[in-house]
């Protein structure tokens, strides 16, 4: 209600008062909008940091799984080789 009261007071000064009231209102709303934009920008930056952290974790996990899979493949090859050697020794 303080804006309306201010506008009434300035309007009593005539056209110049009304123009002043409109200017003050525009400045106030513009300031609020700037704050909203700043807040949104800060949220985007925080979300970007969180997303980068999540991406890093996924990349590290993927690399660990790939290394684990390669080790399992190598172990299977070793066991297969040992089994073949065991069969050759038993056949001889």
PDB file of N, CA and C in Angstrom:
ATOM      1  N   UNK A   1       0.811  -1.188   0.000  1.00  0.00           N
ATOM      2  CA  UNK A   1       0.000   0.000   0.000  1.00  0.00           C
ATOM      3  C   UNK A   1       0.859   1.259   0.000  1.00  0.00           C
ATOM      4  N   UNK A   2       2.087   1.173   0.405  1.00  0.00           N
ATOM      5  CA  UNK A   2       2.918   2.367   0.472  1.00  0.00           C
ATOM      6  C   UNK A   2       3.166   2.934  -0.911  1.00  0.00           C
ATOM      7  N   UNK A   3       3.195   2.094  -1.953  1.00  0.00           N
ATOM      8  CA  UNK A   3       3.388   2.575  -3.330  1.00  0.00           C
ATOM      9  C   UNK A   3       2.185   3.411  -3.748  1.00  0.00           C
ATOM     10  N   UNK A   4       0.984   2.917  -3.427  1.00  0.00           N
ATOM     11  CA  UNK A   4      -0.239   3.645  -3.810  1.00  0.00           C
ATOM     12  C   UNK A   4      -0.278   4.982  -3.099  1.00  0.00           C
ATOM     13  N   UNK A   5       0.058   4.980  -1.823  1.00  0.00           N
ATOM     14  CA  UNK A   5       0.084   6.225  -1.062  1.00  0.00           C
ATOM     15  C   UNK A   5       1.107   7.192  -1.653  1.00  0.00           C
ATOM     16  N   UNK A   6       2.271   6.657  -2.012  1.00  0.00           N
ATOM     17  CA  UNK A   6       3.318   7.483  -2.627  1.00  0.00           C
ATOM     18  C   UNK A   6       2.841   8.037  -3.958  1.00  0.00           C
ATOM     19  N   UNK A   7       2.175   7.186  -4.766  1.00  0.00           N
ATOM     20  CA  UNK A   7       1.677   7.644  -6.062  1.00  0.00           C
ATOM     21  C   UNK A   7       0.620   8.729  -5.892  1.00  0.00           C
ATOM     22  N   UNK A   8      -0.246   8.562  -4.900  1.00  0.00           N
ATOM     23  CA  UNK A   8      -1.263   9.583  -4.636  1.00  0.00           C
ATOM     24  C   UNK A   8      -0.612  10.904  -4.267  1.00  0.00           C
ATOM     25  N   UNK A   9       0.405  10.824  -3.405  1.00  0.00           N
ATOM     26  CA  UNK A   9       1.110  12.046  -3.001  1.00  0.00           C
ATOM     27  C   UNK A   9       1.786  12.707  -4.189  1.00  0.00           C
ATOM     28  N   UNK A  10       2.455  11.910  -5.025  1.00  0.00           N
ATOM     29  CA  UNK A  10       3.152  12.473  -6.181  1.00  0.00           C
ATOM     30  C   UNK A  10       2.173  12.948  -7.247  1.00  0.00           C
ATOM     31  N   UNK A  11       1.056  12.251  -7.378  1.00  0.00           N
ATOM     32  CA  UNK A  11       0.048  12.646  -8.369  1.00  0.00           C
ATOM     33  C   UNK A  11      -0.534  14.007  -8.014  1.00  0.00           C
ATOM     34  N   UNK A  12      -0.590  14.300  -6.735  1.00  0.00           N
ATOM     35  CA  UNK A  12      -1.113  15.608  -6.330  1.00  0.00           C
ATOM     36  C   UNK A  12      -0.193  16.736  -6.804  1.00  0.00           C
ATOM     37  N   UNK A  13       1.025  16.378  -7.189  1.00  0.00           N
ATOM     38  CA  UNK A  13       1.953  17.381  -7.725  1.00  0.00           C
ATOM     39  C   UNK A  13       1.731  17.613  -9.218  1.00  0.00           C
ATOM     40  N   UNK A  14       0.821  16.854  -9.830  1.00  0.00           N
ATOM     41  CA  UNK A  14       0.511  17.043 -11.240  1.00  0.00           C
ATOM     42  C   UNK A  14       1.214  16.008 -12.094  1.00  0.00           C
ATOM     43  N   UNK A  15       1.350  16.335 -13.380  1.00  0.00           N
ATOM     44  CA  UNK A  15       1.937  15.409 -14.342  1.00  0.00           C
ATOM     45  C   UNK A  15       3.371  15.060 -13.968  1.00  0.00           C
ATOM     46  N   UNK A  16       4.119  16.042 -13.502  1.00  0.00           N
ATOM     47  CA  UNK A  16       5.509  15.776 -13.115  1.00  0.00           C
ATOM     48  C   UNK A  16       5.560  14.802 -11.946  1.00  0.00           C
ATOM     49  N   UNK A  17       4.653  14.937 -11.019  1.00  0.00           N
ATOM     50  CA  UNK A  17       4.593  14.027  -9.876  1.00  0.00           C
ATOM     51  C   UNK A  17       4.244  12.617 -10.304  1.00  0.00           C
ATOM     52  N   UNK A  18       3.294  12.523 -11.236  1.00  0.00           N
ATOM     53  CA  UNK A  18       2.909  11.215 -11.742  1.00  0.00           C
ATOM     54  C   UNK A  18       4.070  10.573 -12.491  1.00  0.00           C
ATOM     55  N   UNK A  19       4.778  11.356 -13.293  1.00  0.00           N
ATOM     56  CA  UNK A  19       5.956  10.840 -14.010  1.00  0.00           C
ATOM     57  C   UNK A  19       7.021  10.374 -13.007  1.00  0.00           C
ATOM     58  N   UNK A  20       7.203  11.145 -11.931  1.00  0.00           N
ATOM     59  CA  UNK A  20       8.163  10.753 -10.902  1.00  0.00           C
ATOM     60  C   UNK A  20       7.754   9.450 -10.229  1.00  0.00           C
ATOM     61  N   UNK A  21       6.457   9.310  -9.953  1.00  0.00           N
ATOM     62  CA  UNK A  21       5.954   8.090  -9.317  1.00  0.00           C
ATOM     63  C   UNK A  21       6.162   6.893 -10.228  1.00  0.00           C
ATOM     64  N   UNK A  22       5.884   7.092 -11.506  1.00  0.00           N
ATOM     65  CA  UNK A  22       6.083   5.996 -12.457  1.00  0.00           C
ATOM     66  C   UNK A  22       7.556   5.621 -12.540  1.00  0.00           C
ATOM     67  N   UNK A  23       8.419   6.608 -12.502  1.00  0.00           N
ATOM     68  CA  UNK A  23       9.861   6.343 -12.569  1.00  0.00           C
ATOM     69  C   UNK A  23      10.312   5.562 -11.331  1.00  0.00           C
ATOM     70  N   UNK A  24       9.842   6.021 -10.160  1.00  0.00           N
ATOM     71  CA  UNK A  24      10.201   5.316  -8.924  1.00  0.00           C
ATOM     72  C   UNK A  24       9.703   3.871  -8.942  1.00  0.00           C
ATOM     73  N   UNK A  25       8.479   3.674  -9.409  1.00  0.00           N
ATOM     74  CA  UNK A  25       7.919   2.327  -9.477  1.00  0.00           C
ATOM     75  C   UNK A  25       8.728   1.468 -10.442  1.00  0.00           C
ATOM     76  N   UNK A  26       9.063   2.030 -11.586  1.00  0.00           N
ATOM     77  CA  UNK A  26       9.856   1.289 -12.568  1.00  0.00           C
ATOM     78  C   UNK A  26      11.213   0.913 -11.994  1.00  0.00           C
ATOM     79  N   UNK A  27      11.863   1.815 -11.276  1.00  0.00           N
ATOM     80  CA  UNK A  27      13.173   1.543 -10.681  1.00  0.00           C
ATOM     81  C   UNK A  27      13.067   0.432  -9.638  1.00  0.00           C
ATOM     82  N   UNK A  28      12.018   0.495  -8.844  1.00  0.00           N
ATOM     83  CA  UNK A  28      11.837  -0.530  -7.806  1.00  0.00           C
ATOM     84  C   UNK A  28      11.609  -1.904  -8.442  1.00  0.00           C
ATOM     85  N   UNK A  29      10.707  -1.965  -9.423  1.00  0.00           N
ATOM     86  CA  UNK A  29      10.431  -3.235 -10.083  1.00  0.00           C
ATOM     87  C   UNK A  29      11.654  -3.728 -10.853  1.00  0.00           C
ATOM     88  N   UNK A  30      12.383  -2.806 -11.434  1.00  0.00           N
ATOM     89  CA  UNK A  30      13.598  -3.179 -12.155  1.00  0.00           C
ATOM     90  C   UNK A  30      14.631  -3.767 -11.190  1.00  0.00           C
ATOM     91  N   UNK A  31      14.754  -3.182 -10.029  1.00  0.00           N
ATOM     92  CA  UNK A  31      15.684  -3.700  -9.024  1.00  0.00           C
ATOM     93  C   UNK A  31      15.290  -5.100  -8.566  1.00  0.00           C
ATOM     94  N   UNK A  32      13.980  -5.295  -8.381  1.00  0.00           N
ATOM     95  CA  UNK A  32      13.507  -6.623  -7.983  1.00  0.00           C
ATOM     96  C   UNK A  32      13.797  -7.642  -9.080  1.00  0.00           C
ATOM     97  N   UNK A  33      13.577  -7.244 -10.323  1.00  0.00           N
ATOM     98  CA  UNK A  33      13.827  -8.152 -11.444  1.00  0.00           C
ATOM     99  C   UNK A  33      15.315  -8.478 -11.550  1.00  0.00           C
ATOM    100  N   UNK A  34      16.158  -7.486 -11.353  1.00  0.00           N
ATOM    101  CA  UNK A  34      17.607  -7.719 -11.368  1.00  0.00           C
ATOM    102  C   UNK A  34      18.007  -8.713 -10.284  1.00  0.00           C
ATOM    103  N   UNK A  35      17.397  -8.593  -9.116  1.00  0.00           N
ATOM    104  CA  UNK A  35      17.700  -9.522  -8.025  1.00  0.00           C
ATOM    105  C   UNK A  35      17.246 -10.931  -8.386  1.00  0.00           C
ATOM    106  N   UNK A  36      16.066 -11.051  -9.021  1.00  0.00           N
ATOM    107  CA  UNK A  36      15.588 -12.365  -9.451  1.00  0.00           C
ATOM    108  C   UNK A  36      16.540 -12.979 -10.476  1.00  0.00           C
ATOM    109  N   UNK A  37      17.012 -12.159 -11.401  1.00  0.00           N
ATOM    110  CA  UNK A  37      17.945 -12.659 -12.417  1.00  0.00           C
ATOM    111  C   UNK A  37      19.252 -13.086 -11.771  1.00  0.00           C
ATOM    112  N   UNK A  38      19.744 -12.294 -10.827  1.00  0.00           N
ATOM    113  CA  UNK A  38      20.980 -12.640 -10.115  1.00  0.00           C
ATOM    114  C   UNK A  38      20.808 -13.950  -9.347  1.00  0.00           C
ATOM    115  N   UNK A  39      19.684 -14.099  -8.658  1.00  0.00           N
ATOM    116  CA  UNK A  39      19.416 -15.333  -7.913  1.00  0.00           C
ATOM    117  C   UNK A  39      19.352 -16.537  -8.843  1.00  0.00           C
ATOM    118  N   UNK A  40      18.669 -16.370  -9.979  1.00  0.00           N
ATOM    119  CA  UNK A  40      18.564 -17.469 -10.944  1.00  0.00           C
ATOM    120  C   UNK A  40      19.941 -17.825 -11.500  1.00  0.00           C
ATOM    121  N   UNK A  41      20.737 -16.823 -11.781  1.00  0.00           N
ATOM    122  CA  UNK A  41      22.092 -17.059 -12.299  1.00  0.00           C
ATOM    123  C   UNK A  41      22.938 -17.820 -11.282  1.00  0.00           C
ATOM    124  N   UNK A  42      22.827 -17.432 -10.024  1.00  0.00           N
ATOM    125  CA  UNK A  42      23.581 -18.120  -8.966  1.00  0.00           C
ATOM    126  C   UNK A  42      23.131 -19.571  -8.824  1.00  0.00           C
ATOM    127  N   UNK A  43      21.818 -19.819  -8.942  1.00  0.00           N
ATOM    128  CA  UNK A  43      21.316 -21.198  -8.884  1.00  0.00           C
ATOM    129  C   UNK A  43      21.855 -22.009 -10.056  1.00  0.00           C
ATOM    130  N   UNK A  44      21.890 -21.407 -11.234  1.00  0.00           N
ATOM    131  CA  UNK A  44      22.406 -22.104 -12.412  1.00  0.00           C
ATOM    132  C   UNK A  44      23.870 -22.465 -12.207  1.00  0.00           C
ATOM    133  N   UNK A  45      24.652 -21.536 -11.661  1.00  0.00           N
ATOM    134  CA  UNK A  45      26.068 -21.821 -11.410  1.00  0.00           C
ATOM    135  C   UNK A  45      26.243 -22.951 -10.401  1.00  0.00           C
ATOM    136  N   UNK A  46      25.432 -22.933  -9.334  1.00  0.00           N
ATOM    137  CA  UNK A  46      25.506 -24.021  -8.341  1.00  0.00           C
ATOM    138  C   UNK A  46      25.114 -25.347  -8.971  1.00  0.00           C
ATOM    139  N   UNK A  47      24.041 -25.338  -9.780  1.00  0.00           N
ATOM    140  CA  UNK A  47      23.608 -26.570 -10.448  1.00  0.00           C
ATOM    141  C   UNK A  47      24.683 -27.068 -11.404  1.00  0.00           C
ATOM    142  N   UNK A  48      25.353 -26.149 -12.081  1.00  0.00           N
ATOM    143  CA  UNK A  48      26.423 -26.539 -13.007  1.00  0.00           C
ATOM    144  C   UNK A  48      27.568 -27.214 -12.248  1.00  0.00           C
ATOM    145  N   UNK A  49      27.913 -26.677 -11.084  1.00  0.00           N
ATOM    146  CA  UNK A  49      28.971 -27.285 -10.271  1.00  0.00           C
ATOM    147  C   UNK A  49      28.554 -28.677  -9.807  1.00  0.00           C
ATOM    148  N   UNK A  50      27.311 -28.810  -9.374  1.00  0.00           N
ATOM    149  CA  UNK A  50      26.819 -30.114  -8.921  1.00  0.00           C
ATOM    150  C   UNK A  50      26.805 -31.118 -10.067  1.00  0.00           C
ATOM    151  N   UNK A  51      26.369 -30.666 -11.220  1.00  0.00           N
ATOM    152  CA  UNK A  51      26.324 -31.547 -12.384  1.00  0.00           C
ATOM    153  C   UNK A  51      27.730 -31.976 -12.787  1.00  0.00           C
ATOM    154  N   UNK A  52      28.692 -31.060 -12.704  1.00  0.00           N
ATOM    155  CA  UNK A  52      30.071 -31.415 -13.036  1.00  0.00           C
ATOM    156  C   UNK A  52      30.613 -32.442 -12.048  1.00  0.00           C
ATOM    157  N   UNK A  53      30.278 -32.269 -10.771  1.00  0.00           N
ATOM    158  CA  UNK A  53      30.704 -33.241  -9.763  1.00  0.00           C
ATOM    159  C   UNK A  53      30.094 -34.608 -10.048  1.00  0.00           C
ATOM    160  N   UNK A  54      28.831 -34.631 -10.383  1.00  0.00           N
ATOM    161  CA  UNK A  54      28.160 -35.885 -10.701  1.00  0.00           C
ATOM    162  C   UNK A  54      28.776 -36.533 -11.944  1.00  0.00           C
ATOM    163  N   UNK A  55      29.054 -35.734 -12.955  1.00  0.00           N
ATOM    164  CA  UNK A  55      29.677 -36.244 -14.176  1.00  0.00           C
ATOM    165  C   UNK A  55      31.047 -36.839 -13.868  1.00  0.00           C
ATOM    166  N   UNK A  56      31.819 -36.174 -13.020  1.00  0.00           N
ATOM    167  CA  UNK A  56      33.132 -36.692 -12.635  1.00  0.00           C
ATOM    168  C   UNK A  56      33.010 -38.052 -11.940  1.00  0.00           C
ATOM    169  N   UNK A  57      32.040 -38.177 -11.044  1.00  0.00           N
ATOM    170  CA  UNK A  57      31.837 -39.440 -10.339  1.00  0.00           C
ATOM    171  C   UNK A  57      31.460 -40.547 -11.326  1.00  0.00           C
ATOM    172  N   UNK A  58      30.564 -40.234 -12.252  1.00  0.00           N
ATOM    173  CA  UNK A  58      30.145 -41.239 -13.242  1.00  0.00           C
ATOM    174  C   UNK A  58      31.336 -41.658 -14.101  1.00  0.00           C
ATOM    175  N   UNK A  59      32.166 -40.701 -14.511  1.00  0.00           N
ATOM    176  CA  UNK A  59      33.343 -41.029 -15.324  1.00  0.00           C
ATOM    177  C   UNK A  59      34.315 -41.926 -14.555  1.00  0.00           C
ATOM    178  N   UNK A  60      34.549 -41.592 -13.270  1.00  0.00           N
ATOM    179  CA  UNK A  60      35.464 -42.416 -12.466  1.00  0.00           C
ATOM    180  C   UNK A  60      34.885 -43.816 -12.257  1.00  0.00           C
ATOM    181  N   UNK A  61      33.586 -43.895 -12.001  1.00  0.00           N
ATOM    182  CA  UNK A  61      32.954 -45.212 -11.820  1.00  0.00           C
ATOM    183  C   UNK A  61      33.021 -46.034 -13.098  1.00  0.00           C
ATOM    184  N   UNK A  62      32.797 -45.387 -14.231  1.00  0.00           N
ATOM    185  CA  UNK A  62      32.865 -46.093 -15.509  1.00  0.00           C
ATOM    186  C   UNK A  62      34.271 -46.624 -15.745  1.00  0.00           C
ATOM    187  N   UNK A  63      35.278 -45.816 -15.449  1.00  0.00           N
ATOM    188  CA  UNK A  63      36.666 -46.254 -15.617  1.00  0.00           C
ATOM    189  C   UNK A  63      36.974 -47.426 -14.683  1.00  0.00           C
ATOM    190  N   UNK A  64      36.483 -47.372 -13.452  1.00  0.00           N
ATOM    191  CA  UNK A  64      36.716 -48.462 -12.494  1.00  0.00           C
ATOM    192  C   UNK A  64      36.037 -49.751 -12.971  1.00  0.00           C
ATOM    193  N   UNK A  65      34.837 -49.635 -13.471  1.00  0.00           N
ATOM    194  CA  UNK A  65      34.126 -50.824 -13.966  1.00  0.00           C
ATOM    195  C   UNK A  65      34.852 -51.404 -15.170  1.00  0.00           C
ATOM    196  N   UNK A  66      35.357 -50.538 -16.050  1.00  0.00           N
ATOM    197  CA  UNK A  66      36.093 -51.019 -17.231  1.00  0.00           C
ATOM    198  C   UNK A  66      37.373 -51.751 -16.803  1.00  0.00           C
ATOM    199  N   UNK A  67      38.080 -51.200 -15.806  1.00  0.00           N
ATOM    200  CA  UNK A  67      39.293 -51.873 -15.300  1.00  0.00           C
ATOM    201  C   UNK A  67      38.934 -53.213 -14.670  1.00  0.00           C
ATOM    202  N   UNK A  68      37.859 -53.245 -13.896  1.00  0.00           N
ATOM    203  CA  UNK A  68      37.418 -54.481 -13.260  1.00  0.00           C
ATOM    204  C   UNK A  68      37.065 -55.535 -14.313  1.00  0.00           C
ATOM    205  N   UNK A  69      36.342 -55.114 -15.342  1.00  0.00           N
ATOM    206  CA  UNK A  69      35.965 -56.043 -16.412  1.00  0.00           C
ATOM    207  C   UNK A  69      37.206 -56.583 -17.118  1.00  0.00           C
ATOM    208  N   UNK A  70      38.187 -55.742 -17.350  1.00  0.00           N
ATOM    209  CA  UNK A  70      39.429 -56.187 -17.998  1.00  0.00           C
ATOM    210  C   UNK A  70      40.172 -57.185 -17.109  1.00  0.00           C
ATOM    211  N   UNK A  71      40.225 -56.924 -15.805  1.00  0.00           N
ATOM    212  CA  UNK A  71      40.863 -57.867 -14.880  1.00  0.00           C
ATOM    213  C   UNK A  71      40.129 -59.209 -14.868  1.00  0.00           C
ATOM    214  N   UNK A  72      38.805 -59.159 -14.900  1.00  0.00           N
ATOM    215  CA  UNK A  72      38.038 -60.406 -14.947  1.00  0.00           C
ATOM    216  C   UNK A  72      38.326 -61.169 -16.232  1.00  0.00           C
ATOM    217  N   UNK A  73      38.415 -60.469 -17.345  1.00  0.00           N
ATOM    218  CA  UNK A  73      38.726 -61.116 -18.613  1.00  0.00           C
ATOM    219  C   UNK A  73      40.105 -61.774 -18.554  1.00  0.00           C
ATOM    220  N   UNK A  74      41.071 -61.051 -17.970  1.00  0.00           N
ATOM    221  CA  UNK A  74      42.417 -61.613 -17.836  1.00  0.00           C
ATOM    222  C   UNK A  74      42.405 -62.840 -16.931  1.00  0.00           C
ATOM    223  N   UNK A  75      41.665 -62.773 -15.836  1.00  0.00           N
ATOM    224  CA  UNK A  75      41.573 -63.920 -14.925  1.00  0.00           C
ATOM    225  C   UNK A  75      40.957 -65.121 -15.639  1.00  0.00           C
ATOM    226  N   UNK A  76      39.922 -64.877 -16.439  1.00  0.00           N
ATOM    227  CA  UNK A  76      39.294 -65.970 -17.195  1.00  0.00           C
ATOM    228  C   UNK A  76      40.295 -66.584 -18.164  1.00  0.00           C
ATOM    229  N   UNK A  77      41.093 -65.758 -18.805  1.00  0.00           N
ATOM    230  CA  UNK A  77      42.110 -66.267 -19.729  1.00  0.00           C
ATOM    231  C   UNK A  77      43.151 -67.105 -18.988  1.00  0.00           C
ATOM    232  N   UNK A  78      43.575 -66.643 -17.827  1.00  0.00           N
ATOM    233  CA  UNK A  78      44.549 -67.385 -17.019  1.00  0.00           C
ATOM    234  C   UNK A  78      43.961 -68.725 -16.594  1.00  0.00           C
ATOM    235  N   UNK A  79      42.730 -68.704 -16.075  1.00  0.00           N
ATOM    236  CA  UNK A  79      42.083 -69.946 -15.645  1.00  0.00           C
ATOM    237  C   UNK A  79      41.888 -70.903 -16.821  1.00  0.00           C
ATOM    238  N   UNK A  80      41.510 -70.377 -17.957  1.00  0.00           N
ATOM    239  CA  UNK A  80      41.337 -71.209 -19.148  1.00  0.00           C
ATOM    240  C   UNK A  80      42.672 -71.838 -19.548  1.00  0.00           C
ATOM    241  N   UNK A  81      43.729 -71.046 -19.513  1.00  0.00           N
ATOM    242  CA  UNK A  81      45.061 -71.537 -19.849  1.00  0.00           C
ATOM    243  C   UNK A  81      45.495 -72.617 -18.854  1.00  0.00           C
ATOM    244  N   UNK A  82      45.248 -72.379 -17.563  1.00  0.00           N
ATOM    245  CA  UNK A  82      45.602 -73.367 -16.529  1.00  0.00           C
ATOM    246  C   UNK A  82      44.813 -74.661 -16.732  1.00  0.00           C
ATOM    247  N   UNK A  83      43.537 -74.547 -17.083  1.00  0.00           N
ATOM    248  CA  UNK A  83      42.705 -75.726 -17.310  1.00  0.00           C
ATOM    249  C   UNK A  83      43.223 -76.514 -18.510  1.00  0.00           C
ATOM    250  N   UNK A  84      43.601 -75.810 -19.576  1.00  0.00           N
ATOM    251  CA  UNK A  84      44.141 -76.492 -20.755  1.00  0.00           C
ATOM    252  C   UNK A  84      45.438 -77.208 -20.422  1.00  0.00           C
ATOM    253  N   UNK A  85      46.311 -76.559 -19.635  1.00  0.00           N
ATOM    254  CA  UNK A  85      47.557 -77.196 -19.236  1.00  0.00           C
ATOM    255  C   UNK A  85      47.288 -78.440 -18.391  1.00  0.00           C
ATOM    256  N   UNK A  86      46.281 -78.328 -17.503  1.00  0.00           N
ATOM    257  CA  UNK A  86      45.934 -79.460 -16.657  1.00  0.00           C
ATOM    258  C   UNK A  86      45.430 -80.635 -17.487  1.00  0.00           C
ATOM    259  N   UNK A  87      44.632 -80.367 -18.505  1.00  0.00           N
ATOM    260  CA  UNK A  87      44.141 -81.445 -19.372  1.00  0.00           C
ATOM    261  C   UNK A  87      45.278 -82.079 -20.162  1.00  0.00           C
ATOM    262  N   UNK A  88      46.226 -81.244 -20.626  1.00  0.00           N
ATOM    263  CA  UNK A  88      47.387 -81.780 -21.380  1.00  0.00           C
ATOM    264  C   UNK A  88      48.254 -82.664 -20.494  1.00  0.00           C
ATOM    265  N   UNK A  89      48.425 -82.239 -19.218  1.00  0.00           N
ATOM    266  CA  UNK A  89      49.249 -83.035 -18.291  1.00  0.00           C
ATOM    267  C   UNK A  89      48.574 -84.363 -17.977  1.00  0.00           C
ATOM    268  N   UNK A  90      47.240 -84.333 -17.830  1.00  0.00           N
ATOM    269  CA  UNK A  90      46.499 -85.566 -17.513  1.00  0.00           C
ATOM    270  C   UNK A  90      46.495 -86.519 -18.705  1.00  0.00           C
ATOM    271  N   UNK A  91      46.458 -85.975 -19.922  1.00  0.00           N
ATOM    272  CA  UNK A  91      46.433 -86.793 -21.133  1.00  0.00           C
ATOM    273  C   UNK A  91      47.802 -87.430 -21.383  1.00  0.00           C
ATOM    274  N   UNK A  92      48.844 -86.817 -20.913  1.00  0.00           N
ATOM    275  CA  UNK A  92      50.175 -87.335 -21.175  1.00  0.00           C
ATOM    276  C   UNK A  92      50.614 -88.390 -20.231  1.00  0.00           C
TER     277      UNK A  92
END
